[in-house]
């Protein structure tokens, strides 16, 4: 059927509710909108669904959520995993509680127990709950830091990480097989509860999750010594972080936590920001105002599902607040944890620092300094989770820390996704530790630059929308693949990695070796002077992203080199467009 026929079916089919039909009747004169909503099914990708909320096959609604869940249920049945059950949580977005219930009732109708959180919870707590309850899978209703009109549906597997091969493909294939919405199973909530297939969870998981976090603290003595003199400003950005972040800080002894009141309560409209992204400067406007009023040591903000952390830290010399990128805050936390573990108990021989391929080379320098392994994985925290599972299954490798440049890290092994609640806790602990040495977190960052080098990393994105845009993105990737650059700006290319072809080409010798990572449409260039460039199409937006990093001898040198390389990367792309 073409999109017009599918649209007509949704209007006439008694399976679809009247509210949905009324919304669709409202666009009857808008041909373009009808096409946009029905020309394809909302794609179930490697992480699940993400899209604009609304009626239609290419939108997030109760029917597309049910369809995705039916596919997941069918896959679980193939593996005979129904008895283990599925944990479900959701964030503060529009329709999140409704989508969570629809998923739960579809599972229940398929004879699979659904463990549903009583109210919104952060992403890392879902990852923890899957492991704690021994579930076969987890569902998280969230669109992370996307604008308010979006929602999403992420699937986790029994190790607590987002789905990776072979399960991602297995589930995707089953979802594709569900072509008739009317065949999707569901049941009444009360009926599911009576049958013991809809189970509400909450406090017990919260309490044990908190205990897990607190067990990671390495220097409670430092917190006890200075916490009363520290001031912390925190914003949950209208999301799920409010209760858990405040709770863990309070239980550790941080008394002076000031919450940004305008952004405190859950609100799917995110009224104080254009989109709730702690990477964006605007997300911190209110936090910075409050921080200056109370003279805060650090200012924290978590995204709506509390897996990413944004940070501003005070410069005691100038009184100004400096923003930390995800690379900076991740390295600050990683260096603190690994350094303290070394000091307190020594580091295991097989200790490992895991990062994504687009994360800063400062991570490599930290690993080298402490004599531990540095392991690279593809972009996406699930691949860090996959590596942790490998360590667990083989008994070879000890996870010490994992991070990616997109403001996410994981400190312990209780979960398998990035955790901004734990990151907030550990950063405050590190701030307390440095305070006992008369240093701020900014001083600690400067000391790291002096020790490891002035690494600066950035990303440029080119948006190319529509069918033409997709073609252009593909042209860029094909051109670079067929014509490997030998230099980018003033830097020579030492080696070229093609993760789609699984090759690393040594440019001097011509020798080709394997990347050792799963296939992915990503190109990476190791450059002279510890510089690098990586090109990858976005998995969630119509963009091609150019990541790059340099190593400077000072702030100004790093700034200059980074700006220059950024321009040279764009010039390279301009030639292809």
Protein backbone atom coordinates (compact mmCIF):
# COMPACT_ATOMS: atom_id res chain seq x y z
CA UNK A 1 0.00 0.00 0.00
CA UNK A 2 1.12 3.54 -0.71
CA UNK A 3 0.97 6.23 1.98
CA UNK A 4 -2.51 7.46 0.89
CA UNK A 5 -4.01 3.99 1.27
CA UNK A 6 -2.38 3.50 4.68
CA UNK A 7 -3.70 6.91 5.77
CA UNK A 8 -7.21 5.88 4.62
CA UNK A 9 -6.92 2.58 6.50
CA UNK A 10 -6.02 4.36 9.74
CA UNK A 11 -9.10 6.58 9.29
CA UNK A 12 -11.47 3.67 8.62
CA UNK A 13 -10.03 0.73 10.58
CA UNK A 14 -11.96 0.18 13.86
CA UNK A 15 -8.64 -0.86 15.54
CA UNK A 16 -7.49 2.77 15.75
CA UNK A 17 -9.10 5.00 18.40
CA UNK A 18 -11.22 8.08 17.74
CA UNK A 19 -8.64 10.51 19.13
CA UNK A 20 -6.09 9.23 16.58
CA UNK A 21 -8.65 9.48 13.77
CA UNK A 22 -9.58 13.03 14.76
CA UNK A 23 -5.89 14.06 14.61
CA UNK A 24 -5.58 12.49 11.15
CA UNK A 25 -8.79 14.12 9.87
CA UNK A 26 -7.24 17.44 10.88
CA UNK A 27 -4.48 17.01 8.25
CA UNK A 28 -6.77 15.77 5.43
CA UNK A 29 -5.97 18.84 3.28
CA UNK A 30 -2.20 18.67 3.91
CA UNK A 31 -0.81 16.19 1.38
CA UNK A 32 2.82 16.73 2.45
CA UNK A 33 2.01 16.06 6.11
CA UNK A 34 0.08 12.88 5.24
CA UNK A 35 3.04 11.65 3.18
CA UNK A 36 5.52 12.49 5.95
CA UNK A 37 3.48 10.55 8.51
CA UNK A 38 2.79 7.46 6.38
CA UNK A 39 5.46 7.05 3.70
CA UNK A 40 7.39 4.66 5.93
CA UNK A 41 7.25 2.85 9.26
CA UNK A 42 9.12 4.57 12.08
CA UNK A 43 12.35 2.66 11.86
CA UNK A 44 13.29 0.34 14.70
CA UNK A 45 17.05 0.89 14.69
CA UNK A 46 19.93 -0.48 16.73
CA UNK A 47 18.75 1.34 19.86
CA UNK A 48 14.99 1.15 19.26
CA UNK A 49 12.62 3.93 18.17
CA UNK A 50 12.95 7.71 18.22
CA UNK A 51 10.60 10.13 16.52
CA UNK A 52 8.07 12.94 16.68
CA UNK A 53 4.94 12.16 18.73
CA UNK A 54 1.75 11.95 16.67
CA UNK A 55 -0.60 9.72 14.66
CA UNK A 56 0.84 7.71 11.76
CA UNK A 57 3.21 4.87 10.95
CA UNK A 58 6.24 7.22 10.97
CA UNK A 59 5.44 8.72 14.37
CA UNK A 60 5.75 7.80 18.04
CA UNK A 61 2.28 6.75 19.26
CA UNK A 62 0.65 3.92 21.22
CA UNK A 63 0.37 1.79 18.06
CA UNK A 64 4.01 2.05 16.96
CA UNK A 65 5.04 1.37 20.58
CA UNK A 66 2.82 -1.72 20.71
CA UNK A 67 4.16 -2.93 17.37
CA UNK A 68 7.78 -2.58 18.53
CA UNK A 69 6.94 -4.38 21.78
CA UNK A 70 5.21 -7.23 19.93
CA UNK A 71 8.39 -7.74 17.90
CA UNK A 72 10.45 -7.73 21.11
CA UNK A 73 8.01 -10.20 22.73
CA UNK A 74 8.28 -12.52 19.71
CA UNK A 75 12.08 -12.44 19.95
CA UNK A 76 11.98 -13.18 23.69
CA UNK A 77 9.65 -16.12 22.96
CA UNK A 78 12.11 -17.53 20.39
CA UNK A 79 14.75 -17.57 23.15
CA UNK A 80 12.22 -18.99 25.65
CA UNK A 81 12.94 -16.06 27.97
CA UNK A 82 9.37 -15.08 28.94
CA UNK A 83 9.73 -16.15 32.57
CA UNK A 84 12.58 -13.69 33.23
CA UNK A 85 10.42 -10.65 32.53
CA UNK A 86 11.20 -7.12 31.27
CA UNK A 87 11.90 -3.98 33.35
CA UNK A 88 10.35 -0.71 32.11
CA UNK A 89 10.99 2.90 33.00
CA UNK A 90 10.24 6.29 31.49
CA UNK A 91 11.23 9.94 31.71
CA UNK A 92 9.32 13.24 31.93
CA UNK A 93 8.44 13.57 28.24
CA UNK A 94 5.00 13.86 26.68
CA UNK A 95 3.23 10.47 26.61
CA UNK A 96 6.08 8.69 28.44
CA UNK A 97 3.89 7.05 31.16
CA UNK A 98 1.30 6.05 28.52
CA UNK A 99 3.93 4.49 26.24
CA UNK A 100 5.43 2.62 29.21
CA UNK A 101 2.03 1.14 30.05
CA UNK A 102 1.31 0.20 26.43
CA UNK A 103 4.62 -1.66 26.27
CA UNK A 104 3.93 -3.40 29.60
CA UNK A 105 0.43 -4.52 28.58
CA UNK A 106 1.62 -5.84 25.23
CA UNK A 107 4.29 -7.89 27.04
CA UNK A 108 1.73 -9.10 29.59
CA UNK A 109 -0.61 -10.21 26.79
CA UNK A 110 2.31 -12.27 25.47
CA UNK A 111 2.79 -13.96 28.84
CA UNK A 112 5.87 -11.88 29.76
CA UNK A 113 6.11 -10.23 33.19
CA UNK A 114 6.52 -6.46 33.06
CA UNK A 115 8.27 -4.76 36.01
CA UNK A 116 7.16 -1.14 35.69
CA UNK A 117 8.57 1.70 37.78
CA UNK A 118 5.83 3.53 39.70
CA UNK A 119 7.01 6.89 38.37
CA UNK A 120 9.77 8.34 36.22
CA UNK A 121 13.33 7.12 36.81
CA UNK A 122 16.77 7.79 35.23
CA UNK A 123 18.16 5.60 32.45
CA UNK A 124 21.02 4.17 34.56
CA UNK A 125 18.55 2.92 37.16
CA UNK A 126 16.77 0.93 34.45
CA UNK A 127 20.10 -0.61 33.43
CA UNK A 128 20.68 -1.49 37.09
CA UNK A 129 17.12 -2.86 37.53
CA UNK A 130 17.45 -5.23 34.55
CA UNK A 131 20.51 -6.79 36.21
CA UNK A 132 19.11 -6.70 39.74
CA UNK A 133 15.82 -8.39 38.82
CA UNK A 134 17.41 -10.89 36.42
CA UNK A 135 15.26 -9.68 33.52
CA UNK A 136 15.87 -10.78 29.95
CA UNK A 137 15.38 -7.22 28.68
CA UNK A 138 14.52 -3.63 29.59
CA UNK A 139 12.52 -0.87 27.90
CA UNK A 140 13.25 2.79 28.46
CA UNK A 141 10.80 5.41 27.19
CA UNK A 142 12.96 8.45 26.53
CA UNK A 143 14.25 10.67 23.73
CA UNK A 144 17.17 11.79 25.87
CA UNK A 145 17.93 15.47 25.13
CA UNK A 146 15.83 15.86 21.95
CA UNK A 147 13.29 18.73 21.66
CA UNK A 148 9.89 18.29 23.42
CA UNK A 149 7.98 17.02 20.38
CA UNK A 150 10.09 13.83 20.39
CA UNK A 151 9.94 10.63 22.35
CA UNK A 152 11.77 7.33 22.05
CA UNK A 153 11.84 3.67 22.99
CA UNK A 154 15.17 2.07 23.86
CA UNK A 155 15.69 -1.65 24.38
CA UNK A 156 18.21 -3.12 26.82
CA UNK A 157 19.35 -6.73 27.10
CA UNK A 158 19.86 -8.90 30.17
CA UNK A 159 23.42 -7.62 30.81
CA UNK A 160 21.94 -4.14 31.33
CA UNK A 161 23.39 -2.60 28.15
CA UNK A 162 21.47 -1.35 25.13
CA UNK A 163 21.07 -4.11 22.56
CA UNK A 164 24.11 -5.11 20.49
CA UNK A 165 24.64 -7.94 17.94
CA UNK A 166 23.11 -10.48 17.58
CA UNK A 167 20.11 -9.32 19.63
CA UNK A 168 19.68 -5.93 17.91
CA UNK A 169 19.26 -7.53 14.49
CA UNK A 170 17.15 -10.36 15.92
CA UNK A 171 14.70 -7.89 17.48
CA UNK A 172 14.70 -5.60 14.42
CA UNK A 173 13.81 -8.56 12.19
CA UNK A 174 10.91 -9.56 14.44
CA UNK A 175 9.58 -5.99 14.56
CA UNK A 176 9.64 -5.84 10.73
CA UNK A 177 7.58 -9.02 10.59
CA UNK A 178 4.72 -7.33 12.46
CA UNK A 179 2.88 -5.80 9.48
CA UNK A 180 -0.72 -5.84 10.71
CA UNK A 181 -1.34 -3.63 13.76
CA UNK A 182 -4.50 -5.57 14.57
CA UNK A 183 -2.44 -8.71 15.30
CA UNK A 184 -0.53 -6.95 18.11
CA UNK A 185 -1.56 -8.28 21.52
CA UNK A 186 -2.61 -6.19 24.49
CA UNK A 187 -4.78 -6.56 27.60
CA UNK A 188 -6.42 -4.52 30.36
CA UNK A 189 -4.14 -3.25 33.14
CA UNK A 190 -6.21 -4.66 36.01
CA UNK A 191 -6.33 -8.04 34.30
CA UNK A 192 -2.54 -8.01 33.84
CA UNK A 193 -2.04 -7.09 37.52
CA UNK A 194 -4.35 -9.92 38.69
CA UNK A 195 -2.42 -12.38 36.53
CA UNK A 196 0.87 -11.25 38.11
CA UNK A 197 2.11 -9.99 34.75
CA UNK A 198 2.16 -6.26 35.59
CA UNK A 199 4.34 -5.64 38.64
CA UNK A 200 4.98 -2.15 40.00
CA UNK A 201 8.52 -1.50 41.28
CA UNK A 202 10.11 1.49 42.97
CA UNK A 203 11.50 1.99 46.47
CA UNK A 204 13.34 -1.34 46.80
CA UNK A 205 15.23 -0.77 43.54
CA UNK A 206 15.85 2.90 44.43
CA UNK A 207 17.35 1.95 47.79
CA UNK A 208 19.65 -0.77 46.45
CA UNK A 209 20.72 1.47 43.51
CA UNK A 210 21.67 4.18 46.05
CA UNK A 211 23.69 1.71 48.08
CA UNK A 212 25.54 0.65 44.93
CA UNK A 213 26.43 4.25 44.17
CA UNK A 214 27.58 5.04 47.69
CA UNK A 215 29.80 1.94 47.72
CA UNK A 216 31.84 3.56 44.92
CA UNK A 217 32.97 6.46 47.10
CA UNK A 218 36.73 6.33 47.63
CA UNK A 219 37.33 9.33 49.90
CA UNK A 220 34.47 9.73 52.34
CA UNK A 221 37.04 11.23 54.73
CA UNK A 222 37.49 14.21 52.38
CA UNK A 223 33.72 14.67 52.04
CA UNK A 224 33.36 14.61 55.84
CA UNK A 225 36.15 17.19 56.15
CA UNK A 226 34.93 19.86 53.70
CA UNK A 227 31.41 19.09 52.45
CA UNK A 228 29.88 21.63 54.85
CA UNK A 229 32.00 24.34 53.20
CA UNK A 230 31.11 23.38 49.64
CA UNK A 231 28.27 24.84 47.60
CA UNK A 232 26.76 22.93 44.72
CA UNK A 233 24.14 24.16 42.26
CA UNK A 234 22.15 21.49 40.44
CA UNK A 235 19.53 21.43 37.68
CA UNK A 236 17.67 18.30 36.53
CA UNK A 237 16.51 20.24 33.41
CA UNK A 238 12.86 19.22 34.07
CA UNK A 239 13.85 15.55 33.99
CA UNK A 240 14.45 12.44 36.11
CA UNK A 241 17.61 13.43 37.97
CA UNK A 242 16.03 15.62 40.67
CA UNK A 243 15.32 13.00 43.35
CA UNK A 244 18.28 10.57 42.89
CA UNK A 245 21.01 13.23 42.49
CA UNK A 246 19.84 15.19 45.51
CA UNK A 247 19.38 12.04 47.54
CA UNK A 248 22.86 10.61 46.95
CA UNK A 249 24.55 13.96 47.61
CA UNK A 250 22.59 14.43 50.83
CA UNK A 251 23.28 10.91 52.09
CA UNK A 252 27.02 11.41 51.50
CA UNK A 253 27.03 14.63 53.51
CA UNK A 254 26.79 17.43 50.94
CA UNK A 255 24.45 19.80 52.76
CA UNK A 256 24.63 22.89 50.58
CA UNK A 257 22.94 21.74 47.36
CA UNK A 258 20.96 24.52 45.66
CA UNK A 259 18.45 23.34 43.07
CA UNK A 260 17.49 25.58 40.15
CA UNK A 261 13.82 25.99 41.10
CA UNK A 262 12.62 26.94 37.58
CA UNK A 263 13.99 23.61 36.24
CA UNK A 264 13.32 21.41 39.26
CA UNK A 265 10.02 19.70 38.49
CA UNK A 266 9.46 17.20 35.66
CA UNK A 267 7.95 18.92 32.62
CA UNK A 268 7.87 17.43 29.15
CA UNK A 269 7.57 20.87 27.57
CA UNK A 270 11.02 21.86 28.93
CA UNK A 271 9.80 25.47 29.21
CA UNK A 272 13.12 27.09 30.17
CA UNK A 273 15.22 25.77 27.25
CA UNK A 274 14.80 25.27 23.51
CA UNK A 275 15.93 21.70 24.05
CA UNK A 276 17.11 20.07 27.30
CA UNK A 277 20.73 19.39 26.47
CA UNK A 278 23.39 19.90 29.17
CA UNK A 279 25.94 20.34 26.38
CA UNK A 280 24.22 23.61 25.39
CA UNK A 281 25.15 26.93 26.95
CA UNK A 282 21.49 27.99 27.32
CA UNK A 283 20.78 25.02 29.62
CA UNK A 284 23.05 26.66 32.20
CA UNK A 285 21.79 30.23 32.11
CA UNK A 286 19.60 29.85 35.20
CA UNK A 287 22.14 27.60 36.95
CA UNK A 288 24.94 30.11 36.41
CA UNK A 289 22.75 32.94 37.74
CA UNK A 290 22.05 30.94 40.93
CA UNK A 291 25.69 29.80 41.11
CA UNK A 292 26.92 33.39 41.15
CA UNK A 293 24.32 34.35 43.77
CA UNK A 294 25.37 31.62 46.22
CA UNK A 295 29.06 31.56 45.20
CA UNK A 296 28.91 27.89 44.17
CA UNK A 297 32.01 25.70 43.79
CA UNK A 298 30.44 23.84 40.88
CA UNK A 299 27.27 23.86 38.82
CA UNK A 300 25.76 20.61 37.54
CA UNK A 301 22.97 19.81 35.07
CA UNK A 302 21.68 16.41 33.97
CA UNK A 303 19.63 15.73 30.83
CA UNK A 304 16.01 14.48 31.09
CA UNK A 305 16.91 10.80 31.45
CA UNK A 306 19.95 11.59 33.64
CA UNK A 307 22.59 9.73 31.70
CA UNK A 308 24.54 12.85 30.61
CA UNK A 309 26.12 15.43 32.88
CA UNK A 310 27.05 19.01 32.05
CA UNK A 311 29.38 20.92 34.40
CA UNK A 312 30.65 24.43 35.13
CA UNK A 313 33.44 24.83 37.67
CA UNK A 314 34.68 27.91 39.46
CA UNK A 315 38.06 29.47 38.81
CA UNK A 316 39.12 30.72 42.24
CA UNK A 317 41.60 33.20 40.75
CA UNK A 318 39.10 35.06 38.57
CA UNK A 319 35.79 34.10 40.17
CA UNK A 320 34.52 33.06 36.71
CA UNK A 321 32.91 29.73 35.86
CA UNK A 322 34.43 27.51 33.17
CA UNK A 323 32.38 25.05 31.18
CA UNK A 324 33.77 21.51 30.99
CA UNK A 325 33.19 19.51 27.83
CA UNK A 326 32.25 15.84 28.11
CA UNK A 327 35.87 15.01 27.34
CA UNK A 328 37.12 17.28 30.13
CA UNK A 329 34.70 16.15 32.85
CA UNK A 330 35.10 12.48 31.84
CA UNK A 331 38.89 12.69 32.04
CA UNK A 332 38.69 14.59 35.34
CA UNK A 333 36.51 11.85 36.86
CA UNK A 334 38.51 9.01 35.29
CA UNK A 335 41.86 10.41 36.43
CA UNK A 336 40.51 10.92 39.96
CA UNK A 337 39.06 7.40 40.26
CA UNK A 338 42.04 5.58 38.80
CA UNK A 339 44.51 7.72 40.79
CA UNK A 340 42.66 7.12 44.06
CA UNK A 341 42.30 3.40 43.43
CA UNK A 342 46.00 3.18 42.74
CA UNK A 343 46.81 5.05 45.93
CA UNK A 344 44.42 3.07 48.12
CA UNK A 345 44.65 -0.48 46.85
CA UNK A 346 46.86 -0.58 43.75
CA UNK A 347 45.61 -1.21 40.22
CA UNK A 348 44.91 -4.67 38.77
CA UNK A 349 47.34 -5.89 36.11
CA UNK A 350 44.51 -6.26 33.62
CA UNK A 351 42.85 -2.92 34.49
CA UNK A 352 41.25 -1.11 31.55
CA UNK A 353 40.05 2.37 30.62
CA UNK A 354 37.43 2.09 27.84
CA UNK A 355 36.49 4.96 25.52
CA UNK A 356 34.65 5.44 22.25
CA UNK A 357 36.73 6.11 19.12
CA UNK A 358 35.66 9.79 19.00
CA UNK A 359 36.68 10.47 22.59
CA UNK A 360 39.75 12.57 23.41
CA UNK A 361 43.29 11.20 23.22
CA UNK A 362 43.80 12.55 26.75
CA UNK A 363 42.17 9.28 27.85
CA UNK A 364 45.01 7.41 26.14
CA UNK A 365 47.54 9.57 27.99
CA UNK A 366 45.83 8.88 31.35
CA UNK A 367 45.84 5.13 30.71
CA UNK A 368 49.51 5.24 29.73
CA UNK A 369 50.42 7.25 32.85
CA UNK A 370 48.80 4.68 35.16
CA UNK A 371 50.06 1.68 33.19
CA UNK A 372 46.63 0.32 32.31
CA UNK A 373 45.09 -0.79 29.02
CA UNK A 374 43.26 1.72 26.83
CA UNK A 375 40.49 0.04 24.86
CA UNK A 376 38.60 1.76 22.02
CA UNK A 377 35.08 0.83 20.99
CA UNK A 378 32.58 2.17 18.46
CA UNK A 379 30.48 5.23 19.31
CA UNK A 380 27.61 4.40 21.66
CA UNK A 381 27.90 3.44 25.32
CA UNK A 382 26.41 0.02 24.60
CA UNK A 383 29.77 -0.98 23.11
CA UNK A 384 31.47 -0.10 26.40
CA UNK A 385 28.81 -2.29 28.05
CA UNK A 386 29.60 -5.05 25.55
CA UNK A 387 33.28 -4.93 26.47
CA UNK A 388 32.36 -5.13 30.19
CA UNK A 389 30.30 -8.24 29.46
CA UNK A 390 33.29 -9.75 27.66
CA UNK A 391 35.45 -9.10 30.74
CA UNK A 392 32.78 -10.76 32.88
CA UNK A 393 32.40 -13.80 30.64
CA UNK A 394 36.12 -14.44 30.03
CA UNK A 395 37.52 -13.40 33.40
CA UNK A 396 40.12 -11.37 31.48
CA UNK A 397 40.11 -7.61 31.96
CA UNK A 398 39.05 -5.45 34.91
CA UNK A 399 36.84 -2.47 34.19
CA UNK A 400 38.14 0.69 35.84
CA UNK A 401 36.33 3.45 33.94
CA UNK A 402 34.46 4.08 30.70
CA UNK A 403 33.54 7.33 28.96
CA UNK A 404 32.47 8.90 25.72
CA UNK A 405 32.79 12.47 24.55
CA UNK A 406 29.03 13.04 24.60
CA UNK A 407 28.96 13.91 28.32
CA UNK A 408 28.58 10.35 29.60
CA UNK A 409 30.60 7.99 31.78
CA UNK A 410 30.20 5.02 34.12
CA UNK A 411 32.15 4.60 37.32
CA UNK A 412 31.24 1.10 38.61
CA UNK A 413 29.99 -2.17 37.13
CA UNK A 414 26.49 -2.18 38.70
CA UNK A 415 25.02 -0.88 35.41
CA UNK A 416 25.91 -0.95 31.73
CA UNK A 417 24.98 2.54 30.62
CA UNK A 418 26.31 5.99 31.34
CA UNK A 419 25.14 7.36 34.67
CA UNK A 420 24.89 11.08 35.38
CA UNK A 421 23.71 10.42 38.96
CA UNK A 422 26.96 8.59 39.72
CA UNK A 423 29.00 11.13 37.72
CA UNK A 424 27.48 14.00 39.75
CA UNK A 425 28.31 12.16 42.96
CA UNK A 426 31.90 11.37 41.98
CA UNK A 427 32.60 14.85 40.65
CA UNK A 428 31.43 16.32 43.97
CA UNK A 429 33.62 13.78 45.79
CA UNK A 430 36.59 14.79 43.61
CA UNK A 431 35.84 18.46 44.33
CA UNK A 432 35.92 17.66 48.07
CA UNK A 433 39.21 15.77 47.70
CA UNK A 434 40.86 18.66 45.81
CA UNK A 435 39.45 21.17 48.29
CA UNK A 436 41.38 19.40 51.08
CA UNK A 437 44.47 20.21 48.98
CA UNK A 438 43.38 23.84 48.50
CA UNK A 439 42.55 23.19 44.86
CA UNK A 440 39.37 23.66 42.84
CA UNK A 441 38.22 21.30 40.10
CA UNK A 442 39.48 23.90 37.63
CA UNK A 443 42.93 23.76 39.29
CA UNK A 444 42.80 19.98 38.96
CA UNK A 445 41.93 20.31 35.26
CA UNK A 446 44.88 22.66 34.71
CA UNK A 447 47.19 20.21 36.52
CA UNK A 448 46.00 17.47 34.15
CA UNK A 449 46.76 19.64 31.12
CA UNK A 450 50.24 20.21 32.48
CA UNK A 451 50.76 16.49 33.10
CA UNK A 452 49.20 15.04 29.95
CA UNK A 453 49.23 17.83 27.39
CA UNK A 454 46.73 20.47 26.29
CA UNK A 455 44.29 18.25 24.41
CA UNK A 456 41.42 19.99 22.68
CA UNK A 457 38.65 18.18 20.89
CA UNK A 458 35.72 19.43 18.88
CA UNK A 459 33.02 18.34 16.47
CA UNK A 460 31.49 20.00 13.44
CA UNK A 461 28.24 18.81 11.95
CA UNK A 462 26.74 19.47 8.55
CA UNK A 463 22.96 19.06 8.32
CA UNK A 464 21.78 17.58 5.01
CA UNK A 465 18.01 16.95 5.09
CA UNK A 466 15.74 14.85 2.89
CA UNK A 467 16.53 12.29 0.22
CA UNK A 468 19.07 14.62 -1.42
CA UNK A 469 20.78 15.09 1.92
CA UNK A 470 21.13 11.36 2.46
CA UNK A 471 22.68 11.05 -0.99
CA UNK A 472 25.17 13.84 -0.22
CA UNK A 473 26.15 12.20 3.07
CA UNK A 474 26.74 8.96 1.21
CA UNK A 475 28.77 10.80 -1.47
CA UNK A 476 31.03 12.29 1.22
CA UNK A 477 31.64 8.85 2.77
CA UNK A 478 32.20 7.18 -0.64
CA UNK A 479 34.59 9.90 -1.84
CA UNK A 480 36.73 9.68 1.31
CA UNK A 481 36.68 5.88 1.14
CA UNK A 482 37.87 5.83 -2.46
CA UNK A 483 40.39 8.65 -2.09
CA UNK A 484 42.08 8.33 1.30
CA UNK A 485 43.66 11.71 2.14
CA UNK A 486 47.42 11.63 2.76
CA UNK A 487 47.30 14.90 4.68
CA UNK A 488 44.67 17.07 6.38
CA UNK A 489 45.85 20.66 6.63
CA UNK A 490 49.38 20.69 8.04
CA UNK A 491 49.08 17.15 9.48
CA UNK A 492 50.19 13.99 7.74
CA UNK A 493 47.85 10.99 7.86
CA UNK A 494 49.70 8.18 9.68
CA UNK A 495 46.96 5.59 9.34
CA UNK A 496 43.44 5.44 7.95
CA UNK A 497 40.79 3.30 9.61
CA UNK A 498 37.68 2.18 7.75
CA UNK A 499 35.32 0.55 10.23
CA UNK A 500 32.92 -0.49 7.47
CA UNK A 501 35.61 -2.44 5.63
CA UNK A 502 37.31 -3.45 8.93
CA UNK A 503 40.70 -2.12 7.78
CA UNK A 504 43.52 0.00 9.21
CA UNK A 505 45.90 1.15 6.48
CA UNK A 506 49.41 2.22 7.46
CA UNK A 507 50.03 5.09 5.05
CA UNK A 508 53.82 4.75 5.08
CA UNK A 509 54.13 0.99 4.58
CA UNK A 510 50.76 0.29 2.94
CA UNK A 511 50.21 -2.55 5.42
CA UNK A 512 46.53 -3.29 6.13
CA UNK A 513 45.33 -4.77 9.43
CA UNK A 514 41.92 -5.35 11.04
CA UNK A 515 40.17 -2.82 13.31
CA UNK A 516 38.86 -5.69 15.43
CA UNK A 517 35.53 -3.86 15.85
CA UNK A 518 32.04 -4.49 14.39
CA UNK A 519 31.21 -3.03 10.99
CA UNK A 520 30.18 0.63 11.09
CA UNK A 521 30.05 3.43 8.52
CA UNK A 522 32.90 5.39 10.13
CA UNK A 523 36.25 6.70 8.83
CA UNK A 524 39.07 7.66 11.19
CA UNK A 525 42.45 9.28 10.46
CA UNK A 526 45.37 9.13 12.90
CA UNK A 527 47.46 12.24 12.24
CA UNK A 528 50.92 13.41 13.21
CA UNK A 529 51.42 15.28 16.53
CA UNK A 530 48.72 13.19 18.29
CA UNK A 531 45.98 14.79 16.19
CA UNK A 532 43.04 12.92 14.63
CA UNK A 533 39.91 13.29 12.52
CA UNK A 534 36.84 11.04 12.43
CA UNK A 535 33.88 11.17 10.03
CA UNK A 536 30.54 9.47 10.72
CA UNK A 537 26.92 10.01 9.72
CA UNK A 538 24.68 10.64 12.75
CA UNK A 539 22.52 7.69 13.79
CA UNK A 540 19.65 9.90 14.98
CA UNK A 541 19.71 13.07 12.82
CA UNK A 542 20.22 14.00 9.11
CA UNK A 543 23.79 15.07 9.77
CA UNK A 544 27.32 14.03 8.97
CA UNK A 545 29.66 14.65 11.90
CA UNK A 546 33.36 15.51 11.80
CA UNK A 547 35.13 14.91 15.09
CA UNK A 548 38.70 16.09 15.53
CA UNK A 549 41.27 16.54 18.23
CA UNK A 550 44.72 18.07 18.67
CA UNK A 551 47.39 18.33 21.33
CA UNK A 552 48.80 21.74 22.13
CA UNK A 553 51.56 23.09 24.36
CA UNK A 554 49.31 25.68 26.07
CA UNK A 555 45.69 26.85 26.07
CA UNK A 556 46.30 29.40 23.36
CA UNK A 557 48.32 26.97 21.24
CA UNK A 558 45.60 24.30 21.57
CA UNK A 559 42.89 26.84 20.70
CA UNK A 560 44.77 28.00 17.62
CA UNK A 561 45.54 24.48 16.39
CA UNK A 562 41.97 23.30 16.95
CA UNK A 563 40.43 26.24 15.12
CA UNK A 564 42.82 25.75 12.20
CA UNK A 565 42.14 21.99 11.92
CA UNK A 566 38.37 22.61 12.11
CA UNK A 567 38.57 24.99 9.12
CA UNK A 568 40.72 22.53 7.20
CA UNK A 569 38.27 19.71 7.80
CA UNK A 570 35.37 21.84 6.52
CA UNK A 571 37.42 22.90 3.49
CA UNK A 572 38.02 19.23 2.70
CA UNK A 573 34.25 18.61 2.78
CA UNK A 574 33.35 21.73 0.80
CA UNK A 575 35.27 20.31 -2.13
CA UNK A 576 32.93 17.28 -2.13
CA UNK A 577 29.60 19.13 -1.86
